Amino acid sequence: MIVLIISLIAMCMVMPAVAVELEETYLGKVTKADQATGALDVKISAKWDGKQFAPVDPMTVSGTSTFDLLFDNIKQSDEVVGTLMGGEKWIAVGLVGSKQSTQKQLLWMAGDPNAMVSPFVGNYRVLYNATPDCDSCKGSVCYARSVDVTVTTIGYNSNGKEYTVAEVGTQTMRPADRWNTEKKDNQQYLEILFIKGEAPASACPESEMIVGPQAVSEFFIKSVNVASVVPTTTPAPAVTTPPTVEVTTAVPATLPATAATPAPTPTPTPGFGMIAAMLGCVAALVVIRR
């Protein structure tokens, strides 16, 4: 027994120690969202038990968030799935889009996708691994130099256990990078924005004993329906009111004036001219005889 205790003490002295804060995931409706103070209150109706959302007595859970895009998109009465860390900080909040599904599929989420239990509409799952900037570590976390984001589609077996159906892709992203996962023949895809992130300091070489909370990263991920982004073709004015219509209706009004036949000029009649000449000759003879 003494040997075992000594071994455990030795392991604790060698291995980095990370104080992992409790994470709990709830389903409920937003009752308060105040961007100025960062306060987000949710009246919960269920709690994630590892397989599904189990009903609980309704109560209000309060926490705070620093995710600006969360407050830009959330409003009171929205049904959300949210993960609270340490009983006080929301680290992942998503808007429920498919309310009939057991897993409550999301239209969008703000925060850390590794802390989100619900998939996105279309059964998309997003996970990532962060690469630390080991020169920036503070306590148990470092700034993330980059993240490797992996998107898959998932399914559930008869026991409710999640499994991977297909790999969509993997992308290395740096802060402020965007990734659109749209692919041919997919009716649904994801728009992923990596805002900033943290990585565990224990991933750095020669890391020492570390005490502190787990690393948290900030993303904004949105599920997009292909049909919703197809532009609507607006008929051009020339199609609805063709210029030729105006031309054909204006032409007949001008035709009578332009096509009017001028009045005929009187033409001398040959017979009348001959008679006049003969009478003139007769009159001349009469005069001469006199």
Protein backbone atom coordinates (compact mmCIF):
# COMPACT_ATOMS: atom_id res chain seq x y z
CA MET A 1 0.00 0.00 0.00
CA ILE A 2 2.83 2.37 0.91
CA VAL A 3 4.48 1.65 -2.42
CA LEU A 4 1.22 2.46 -4.25
CA ILE A 5 0.82 5.77 -2.43
CA ILE A 6 4.41 6.74 -3.22
CA SER A 7 3.86 5.84 -6.89
CA LEU A 8 0.73 7.99 -7.08
CA ILE A 9 2.53 10.93 -5.50
CA ALA A 10 5.37 10.53 -7.97
CA MET A 11 2.94 10.46 -10.91
CA CYS A 12 1.26 13.64 -9.70
CA MET A 13 4.64 15.34 -9.46
CA VAL A 14 5.58 14.38 -13.02
CA MET A 15 2.26 14.69 -14.89
CA PRO A 16 0.65 18.08 -15.61
CA ALA A 17 -2.36 18.65 -13.40
CA VAL A 18 -5.44 20.23 -15.01
CA ALA A 19 -8.44 21.20 -12.92
CA VAL A 20 -11.28 20.32 -15.27
CA GLU A 21 -14.40 22.35 -14.58
CA LEU A 22 -17.77 20.63 -14.67
CA GLU A 23 -19.66 20.98 -17.95
CA GLU A 24 -23.44 20.52 -18.03
CA THR A 25 -25.65 20.74 -21.12
CA TYR A 26 -29.25 21.92 -21.00
CA LEU A 27 -32.25 22.30 -23.29
CA GLY A 28 -34.57 25.25 -22.73
CA LYS A 29 -35.86 28.64 -23.82
CA VAL A 30 -34.06 31.97 -23.50
CA THR A 31 -35.62 34.33 -20.97
CA LYS A 32 -32.89 36.96 -20.93
CA ALA A 33 -30.10 37.92 -23.32
CA ASP A 34 -28.17 41.07 -22.38
CA GLN A 35 -25.12 41.77 -24.55
CA ALA A 36 -24.04 44.73 -22.40
CA THR A 37 -23.53 42.55 -19.32
CA GLY A 38 -23.06 39.23 -21.12
CA ALA A 39 -25.92 37.70 -19.14
CA LEU A 40 -27.86 34.80 -20.66
CA ASP A 41 -30.70 33.14 -18.74
CA VAL A 42 -32.35 29.94 -19.95
CA LYS A 43 -35.48 28.33 -18.52
CA ILE A 44 -34.51 24.69 -18.90
CA SER A 45 -36.84 21.76 -19.54
CA ALA A 46 -34.29 18.96 -19.97
CA LYS A 47 -30.67 18.02 -19.25
CA TRP A 48 -28.31 15.89 -21.34
CA ASP A 49 -27.68 12.54 -19.64
CA GLY A 50 -25.06 11.25 -22.04
CA LYS A 51 -27.51 9.74 -24.54
CA GLN A 52 -30.48 12.07 -24.69
CA PHE A 53 -32.15 15.07 -23.09
CA ALA A 54 -33.88 13.84 -19.96
CA PRO A 55 -36.80 15.96 -18.69
CA VAL A 56 -36.24 17.95 -15.48
CA ASP A 57 -38.36 20.24 -13.36
CA PRO A 58 -38.41 23.65 -15.09
CA MET A 59 -35.96 26.11 -13.62
CA THR A 60 -33.92 29.08 -14.79
CA VAL A 61 -30.19 28.61 -15.29
CA SER A 62 -28.11 31.79 -15.40
CA GLY A 63 -24.69 32.28 -16.90
CA THR A 64 -22.55 34.69 -18.86
CA SER A 65 -20.93 34.68 -22.28
CA THR A 66 -18.39 36.80 -24.12
CA PHE A 67 -19.46 35.63 -27.61
CA ASP A 68 -20.68 38.71 -29.49
CA LEU A 69 -22.16 36.70 -32.34
CA LEU A 70 -24.28 34.80 -29.86
CA PHE A 71 -26.03 37.97 -28.71
CA ASP A 72 -26.25 39.25 -32.28
CA ASN A 73 -28.39 36.23 -33.21
CA ILE A 74 -30.22 35.15 -30.05
CA LYS A 75 -33.53 36.48 -28.75
CA GLN A 76 -36.01 35.77 -25.99
CA SER A 77 -38.13 32.61 -26.35
CA ASP A 78 -35.59 30.93 -28.67
CA GLU A 79 -35.19 27.23 -27.91
CA VAL A 80 -31.52 26.51 -27.37
CA VAL A 81 -29.05 23.84 -26.34
CA GLY A 82 -26.37 25.29 -24.09
CA THR A 83 -23.31 23.98 -22.26
CA LEU A 84 -22.44 25.70 -19.00
CA MET A 85 -18.90 25.38 -17.63
CA GLY A 86 -18.25 25.67 -13.95
CA GLY A 87 -21.87 26.59 -13.33
CA GLU A 88 -21.35 30.14 -14.55
CA LYS A 89 -20.00 30.42 -18.11
CA TRP A 90 -21.82 29.45 -21.32
CA ILE A 91 -19.16 27.98 -23.61
CA ALA A 92 -21.48 26.67 -26.37
CA VAL A 93 -25.00 27.77 -27.27
CA GLY A 94 -26.98 26.64 -30.32
CA LEU A 95 -30.40 27.43 -31.76
CA VAL A 96 -32.66 24.39 -32.11
CA GLY A 97 -33.89 23.94 -35.67
CA SER A 98 -35.32 20.41 -35.67
CA LYS A 99 -37.46 20.22 -32.55
CA GLN A 100 -38.80 16.74 -33.31
CA SER A 101 -35.39 15.05 -33.23
CA THR A 102 -34.17 13.46 -29.99
CA GLN A 103 -30.80 15.16 -30.33
CA LYS A 104 -32.32 18.61 -31.13
CA GLN A 105 -30.44 19.45 -34.31
CA LEU A 106 -29.11 23.01 -34.58
CA LEU A 107 -29.48 25.80 -37.13
CA TRP A 108 -26.42 27.58 -35.75
CA MET A 109 -24.16 27.70 -32.72
CA ALA A 110 -21.74 30.11 -31.09
CA GLY A 111 -18.86 28.92 -28.95
CA ASP A 112 -16.93 25.68 -28.70
CA PRO A 113 -18.17 22.85 -30.96
CA ASN A 114 -16.26 20.27 -28.86
CA ALA A 115 -18.60 21.19 -25.99
CA MET A 116 -21.80 20.88 -28.06
CA VAL A 117 -23.66 17.57 -27.83
CA SER A 118 -26.28 18.32 -30.50
CA PRO A 119 -25.45 17.94 -34.21
CA PHE A 120 -26.39 20.44 -36.88
CA VAL A 121 -29.35 20.04 -39.20
CA GLY A 122 -28.35 17.38 -41.71
CA ASN A 123 -26.71 15.33 -38.91
CA TYR A 124 -23.41 17.22 -39.23
CA ARG A 125 -20.92 16.95 -36.41
CA VAL A 126 -18.05 19.45 -35.99
CA LEU A 127 -14.97 18.69 -33.88
CA TYR A 128 -11.50 20.21 -33.78
CA ASN A 129 -7.99 19.86 -32.41
CA ALA A 130 -6.10 23.00 -31.45
CA THR A 131 -2.38 23.62 -31.94
CA PRO A 132 -1.00 25.78 -29.10
CA ASP A 133 1.23 28.79 -29.42
CA CYS A 134 3.54 27.64 -26.65
CA ASP A 135 5.02 31.13 -26.18
CA SER A 136 1.62 32.46 -25.10
CA CYS A 137 0.62 30.02 -22.36
CA LYS A 138 -0.98 31.23 -19.17
CA GLY A 139 -1.73 28.60 -16.58
CA SER A 140 -3.40 25.59 -18.14
CA VAL A 141 -4.14 27.16 -21.54
CA CYS A 142 -2.34 28.78 -24.47
CA TYR A 143 -3.61 30.73 -27.44
CA ALA A 144 -4.37 28.47 -30.37
CA ARG A 145 -2.05 29.03 -33.32
CA SER A 146 -4.50 27.10 -35.53
CA VAL A 147 -7.19 24.44 -35.35
CA ASP A 148 -7.79 21.33 -37.46
CA VAL A 149 -11.56 21.22 -37.95
CA THR A 150 -13.22 17.94 -38.96
CA VAL A 151 -16.80 17.70 -40.24
CA THR A 152 -18.66 14.38 -40.43
CA THR A 153 -22.21 13.17 -40.81
CA ILE A 154 -23.42 10.96 -37.99
CA GLY A 155 -26.11 8.45 -37.10
CA TYR A 156 -27.34 6.72 -33.95
CA ASN A 157 -27.68 3.01 -33.25
CA SER A 158 -30.56 1.34 -31.39
CA ASN A 159 -28.92 2.18 -28.07
CA GLY A 160 -28.65 5.85 -28.95
CA LYS A 161 -24.89 5.68 -29.40
CA GLU A 162 -23.47 8.00 -32.03
CA TYR A 163 -21.44 6.69 -34.96
CA THR A 164 -19.83 8.26 -38.02
CA VAL A 165 -21.68 7.83 -41.32
CA ALA A 166 -19.34 9.74 -43.63
CA GLU A 167 -16.35 12.08 -43.58
CA VAL A 168 -17.13 15.50 -45.07
CA GLY A 169 -13.62 16.91 -44.75
CA THR A 170 -10.91 18.42 -42.57
CA GLN A 171 -9.61 21.98 -42.76
CA THR A 172 -6.77 23.75 -40.97
CA MET A 173 -8.02 27.16 -39.87
CA ARG A 174 -6.38 30.17 -38.30
CA PRO A 175 -8.20 32.89 -36.35
CA ALA A 176 -10.76 34.72 -38.56
CA ASP A 177 -10.67 32.00 -41.24
CA ARG A 178 -13.90 30.80 -42.86
CA TRP A 179 -14.75 27.41 -44.33
CA ASN A 180 -17.77 26.63 -46.47
CA THR A 181 -18.33 22.85 -46.58
CA GLU A 182 -20.74 22.92 -49.53
CA LYS A 183 -20.36 19.93 -51.87
CA LYS A 184 -22.16 18.77 -54.98
CA ASP A 185 -25.48 16.97 -54.36
CA ASN A 186 -25.58 17.98 -50.67
CA GLN A 187 -28.86 19.67 -49.72
CA GLN A 188 -27.38 21.02 -46.49
CA TYR A 189 -23.93 22.37 -45.69
CA LEU A 190 -22.09 24.35 -43.00
CA GLU A 191 -20.55 27.81 -42.94
CA ILE A 192 -17.79 27.76 -40.31
CA LEU A 193 -16.07 30.83 -38.86
CA PHE A 194 -13.18 30.26 -36.48
CA ILE A 195 -12.90 33.42 -34.39
CA LYS A 196 -10.23 32.57 -31.85
CA GLY A 197 -9.19 29.66 -29.71
CA GLU A 198 -7.28 28.13 -26.86
CA ALA A 199 -5.26 24.94 -26.62
CA PRO A 200 -4.17 22.98 -23.55
CA ALA A 201 -0.74 23.95 -22.29
CA SER A 202 -0.08 20.27 -21.64
CA ALA A 203 0.32 19.86 -25.42
CA CYS A 204 3.50 21.95 -25.29
CA PRO A 205 6.84 20.18 -24.92
CA GLU A 206 8.39 20.23 -21.45
CA SER A 207 5.16 21.51 -19.93
CA GLU A 208 5.25 21.76 -16.15
CA MET A 209 2.56 21.13 -13.56
CA ILE A 210 -0.47 23.14 -14.65
CA VAL A 211 -3.56 23.99 -12.66
CA GLY A 212 -6.55 25.69 -14.24
CA PRO A 213 -9.65 25.28 -16.39
CA GLN A 214 -9.80 23.52 -19.74
CA ALA A 215 -9.21 25.36 -23.03
CA VAL A 216 -12.22 26.91 -24.80
CA SER A 217 -12.43 28.15 -28.39
CA GLU A 218 -14.89 30.44 -30.14
CA PHE A 219 -16.60 29.54 -33.42
CA PHE A 220 -19.75 30.59 -35.20
CA ILE A 221 -21.20 27.75 -37.28
CA LYS A 222 -24.34 27.97 -39.39
CA SER A 223 -26.33 25.26 -41.18
CA VAL A 224 -27.41 26.36 -44.67
CA ASN A 225 -30.05 24.82 -46.92
CA VAL A 226 -28.92 24.84 -50.55
CA ALA A 227 -32.39 25.77 -51.79
CA SER A 228 -32.46 28.84 -49.55
CA VAL A 229 -29.44 30.42 -51.25
CA VAL A 230 -30.49 29.93 -54.89
CA PRO A 231 -31.08 33.45 -56.25
CA THR A 232 -34.56 34.20 -57.56
CA THR A 233 -34.53 35.31 -61.21
CA THR A 234 -36.40 38.58 -61.66
CA PRO A 235 -37.77 39.15 -65.20
CA ALA A 236 -36.11 42.07 -66.94
CA PRO A 237 -38.33 45.07 -67.73
CA ALA A 238 -37.80 44.43 -71.45
CA VAL A 239 -39.53 41.06 -71.07
CA THR A 240 -42.59 42.32 -69.27
CA THR A 241 -42.91 45.49 -71.40
CA PRO A 242 -41.16 44.88 -74.70
CA PRO A 243 -40.06 48.03 -76.53
CA THR A 244 -41.51 46.59 -79.76
CA VAL A 245 -45.02 46.91 -78.36
CA GLU A 246 -44.65 50.66 -78.14
CA VAL A 247 -43.29 50.86 -81.69
CA THR A 248 -46.09 48.82 -83.24
CA THR A 249 -48.78 50.79 -81.45
CA ALA A 250 -47.27 54.15 -82.44
CA VAL A 251 -46.72 53.41 -86.13
CA PRO A 252 -50.38 53.16 -87.25
CA ALA A 253 -51.12 56.61 -85.81
CA THR A 254 -48.51 58.19 -88.09
CA LEU A 255 -49.27 56.21 -91.21
CA PRO A 256 -52.25 58.29 -92.54
CA ALA A 257 -50.24 61.52 -92.48
CA THR A 258 -47.07 60.09 -93.98
CA ALA A 259 -48.83 57.92 -96.53
CA ALA A 260 -51.49 60.50 -97.65
CA THR A 261 -51.70 60.76 -101.46
CA PRO A 262 -51.31 64.37 -102.71
CA ALA A 263 -54.28 65.87 -104.62
CA PRO A 264 -53.88 65.24 -108.38
CA THR A 265 -52.77 68.22 -110.49
CA PRO A 266 -55.25 68.93 -113.32
CA THR A 267 -53.88 67.68 -116.63
CA PRO A 268 -54.97 69.52 -119.89
CA THR A 269 -57.25 67.43 -122.06
CA PRO A 270 -55.87 66.96 -125.57
CA GLY A 271 -59.27 67.58 -127.33
CA PHE A 272 -59.91 70.84 -125.58
CA GLY A 273 -56.54 72.24 -126.56
CA MET A 274 -57.04 71.48 -130.27
CA ILE A 275 -60.47 73.18 -130.35
CA ALA A 276 -59.02 76.26 -128.70
CA ALA A 277 -56.27 76.43 -131.34
CA MET A 278 -58.78 76.18 -134.25
CA LEU A 279 -61.00 78.93 -132.82
CA GLY A 280 -57.95 81.13 -132.53
CA CYS A 281 -57.15 80.60 -136.25
CA VAL A 282 -60.73 81.37 -137.34
CA ALA A 283 -60.72 84.58 -135.37
CA ALA A 284 -57.46 85.62 -137.01
CA LEU A 285 -58.86 85.08 -140.54
CA VAL A 286 -61.94 87.12 -139.74
CA VAL A 287 -59.79 89.99 -138.66
CA ILE A 288 -57.62 89.74 -141.74
CA ARG A 289 -60.62 89.77 -144.09
CA ARG A 290 -61.93 92.92 -142.52
